[in-house]
Amino acid sequence: VQLQASGGGLVQPGGSLRLSCAASGIILDDYAIGWFRQAPGKEREGVSCISSSAGSTYYADSVKGRFTISRDNAKNTVYLEMSSLKPEDTAVYYCAADGRFGSRCTVVAGTLAGFLYDYWGQGTLVTVSS
């Protein structure tokens, strides 16, 4: 199983980016797919998730209303559309798959349960700066 995150880059505050998570060896629609981010010196944060079979979605409060997660089953790819970007969105963004078949987004203590995710992409850097 391989997940490939891409689409990061340098963008000005208020700008937009679309991240992609392409997979091989796994059908993304069968699993919950999450996007996580980690900024320098900070803990990893669960940003968004989409449950298997394009079910429920989850967004961290910090990105709610600005980020949208979606899935293209024909391309076996999950996207994270990011708009109204802020400097505090600067981080390495990772996509990950919850390895339980038919999984749904699981939130523990108010945050996306990263410990449930078995497969991780390599990360793509998003820098929001003027």
Protein backbone atom coordinates (compact mmCIF):
# COMPACT_ATOMS: atom_id res chain seq x y z
CA VAL A 1 0.00 0.00 0.00
CA GLN A 2 1.32 3.41 -0.97
CA LEU A 3 -0.19 6.84 -0.49
CA GLN A 4 1.21 9.77 -2.42
CA ALA A 5 0.40 13.28 -1.19
CA SER A 6 1.01 16.18 -3.56
CA GLY A 7 -0.08 19.71 -4.33
CA GLY A 8 1.71 21.66 -1.64
CA GLY A 9 3.56 24.87 -2.31
CA LEU A 10 3.98 28.50 -1.44
CA VAL A 11 0.82 30.60 -1.40
CA GLN A 12 -0.04 34.06 -0.14
CA PRO A 13 -2.43 34.58 2.75
CA GLY A 14 -5.98 34.36 1.48
CA GLY A 15 -4.97 32.07 -1.35
CA SER A 16 -6.01 28.54 -2.21
CA LEU A 17 -4.40 25.17 -2.81
CA ARG A 18 -5.66 21.71 -3.60
CA LEU A 19 -3.87 18.74 -2.10
CA SER A 20 -4.18 15.29 -3.63
CA CYS A 21 -3.74 11.88 -2.07
CA ALA A 22 -3.35 9.15 -4.67
CA ALA A 23 -3.20 5.51 -3.66
CA SER A 24 -1.95 2.19 -4.94
CA GLY A 25 -2.60 -1.18 -3.39
CA ILE A 26 -5.73 0.02 -1.66
CA ILE A 27 -9.15 1.23 -2.73
CA LEU A 28 -9.54 4.51 -0.89
CA ASP A 29 -13.33 4.36 -0.97
CA ASP A 30 -13.21 1.32 1.34
CA TYR A 31 -11.48 3.20 4.15
CA ALA A 32 -11.62 6.40 6.10
CA ILE A 33 -9.01 8.79 4.73
CA GLY A 34 -7.62 11.56 6.86
CA TRP A 35 -5.48 14.61 6.31
CA PHE A 36 -3.11 15.54 9.10
CA ARG A 37 -0.60 18.35 9.39
CA GLN A 38 2.43 19.09 11.47
CA ALA A 39 4.03 22.48 11.82
CA PRO A 40 7.58 22.91 13.11
CA GLY A 41 7.68 22.53 16.87
CA LYS A 42 4.02 21.56 17.10
CA GLU A 43 2.13 18.34 17.56
CA ARG A 44 0.47 16.62 14.65
CA GLU A 45 -3.08 17.83 14.08
CA GLY A 46 -5.93 15.98 12.41
CA VAL A 47 -7.32 18.41 9.86
CA SER A 48 -10.03 16.55 7.99
CA CYS A 49 -11.39 13.10 7.26
CA ILE A 50 -13.82 11.40 4.92
CA SER A 51 -15.38 8.10 5.91
CA SER A 52 -15.51 5.06 3.66
CA SER A 53 -18.08 5.07 0.85
CA ALA A 54 -17.98 8.88 0.86
CA GLY A 55 -19.86 8.96 4.12
CA SER A 56 -19.44 11.47 6.88
CA THR A 57 -16.75 14.09 6.94
CA TYR A 58 -14.84 15.73 9.75
CA TYR A 59 -13.10 19.07 9.96
CA ALA A 60 -11.03 20.50 12.76
CA ASP A 61 -12.42 23.75 14.10
CA SER A 62 -9.31 25.53 12.85
CA VAL A 63 -10.18 24.78 9.21
CA LYS A 64 -13.96 24.47 9.26
CA GLY A 65 -15.54 26.55 6.52
CA ARG A 66 -12.23 26.95 4.67
CA PHE A 67 -11.21 23.37 3.78
CA THR A 68 -13.22 20.78 1.86
CA ILE A 69 -12.39 17.09 1.58
CA SER A 70 -13.64 15.01 -1.34
CA ARG A 71 -13.01 11.75 -3.12
CA ASP A 72 -12.72 10.78 -6.79
CA ASN A 73 -13.22 7.04 -6.90
CA ALA A 74 -12.38 6.75 -10.59
CA LYS A 75 -8.94 8.17 -9.83
CA ASN A 76 -8.65 6.50 -6.43
CA THR A 77 -7.72 9.89 -5.05
CA VAL A 78 -8.81 12.02 -2.13
CA TYR A 79 -8.54 15.80 -2.30
CA LEU A 80 -8.28 18.56 0.26
CA GLU A 81 -9.37 21.90 -1.13
CA MET A 82 -7.93 24.68 1.02
CA SER A 83 -9.06 28.28 0.70
CA SER A 84 -8.65 31.49 2.69
CA LEU A 85 -5.30 30.18 3.76
CA LYS A 86 -3.61 31.71 6.78
CA PRO A 87 0.03 31.73 7.86
CA GLU A 88 -0.92 29.38 10.68
CA ASP A 89 -1.90 26.78 8.06
CA THR A 90 1.79 26.41 7.21
CA ALA A 91 2.77 22.79 7.84
CA VAL A 92 3.64 19.49 6.24
CA TYR A 93 0.38 17.84 5.27
CA TYR A 94 0.01 14.07 5.32
CA CYS A 95 -2.76 11.85 4.06
CA ALA A 96 -3.42 8.58 5.79
CA ALA A 97 -5.77 5.61 5.57
CA ASP A 98 -7.51 3.95 8.49
CA GLY A 99 -6.77 0.29 7.76
CA ARG A 100 -10.10 -1.04 9.03
CA PHE A 101 -12.35 -1.99 6.12
CA GLY A 102 -15.45 0.18 6.06
CA SER A 103 -13.96 2.57 8.58
CA ARG A 104 -15.49 5.89 9.50
CA CYS A 105 -13.87 9.02 10.78
CA THR A 106 -13.18 8.54 14.47
CA VAL A 107 -12.76 11.47 16.81
CA VAL A 108 -11.28 10.96 20.26
CA ALA A 109 -11.14 13.74 22.82
CA GLY A 110 -12.13 16.20 20.16
CA THR A 111 -9.43 15.31 17.69
CA LEU A 112 -9.09 12.94 14.76
CA ALA A 113 -7.75 9.63 16.07
CA GLY A 114 -4.47 9.40 14.22
CA PHE A 115 -3.45 6.22 16.02
CA LEU A 116 -6.07 4.33 13.97
CA TYR A 117 -4.37 5.15 10.69
CA ASP A 118 -2.13 2.40 9.35
CA TYR A 119 -0.96 3.82 6.05
CA TRP A 120 0.67 7.23 5.65
CA GLY A 121 1.83 9.24 2.68
CA GLN A 122 5.16 11.04 2.64
CA GLY A 123 3.81 14.55 3.24
CA THR A 124 3.63 17.70 1.18
CA LEU A 125 4.72 21.10 2.43
CA VAL A 126 2.29 24.00 2.46
CA THR A 127 3.74 27.43 3.16
CA VAL A 128 1.44 30.41 3.56
CA SER A 129 3.43 33.60 3.47
CA SER A 130 3.51 36.98 1.79
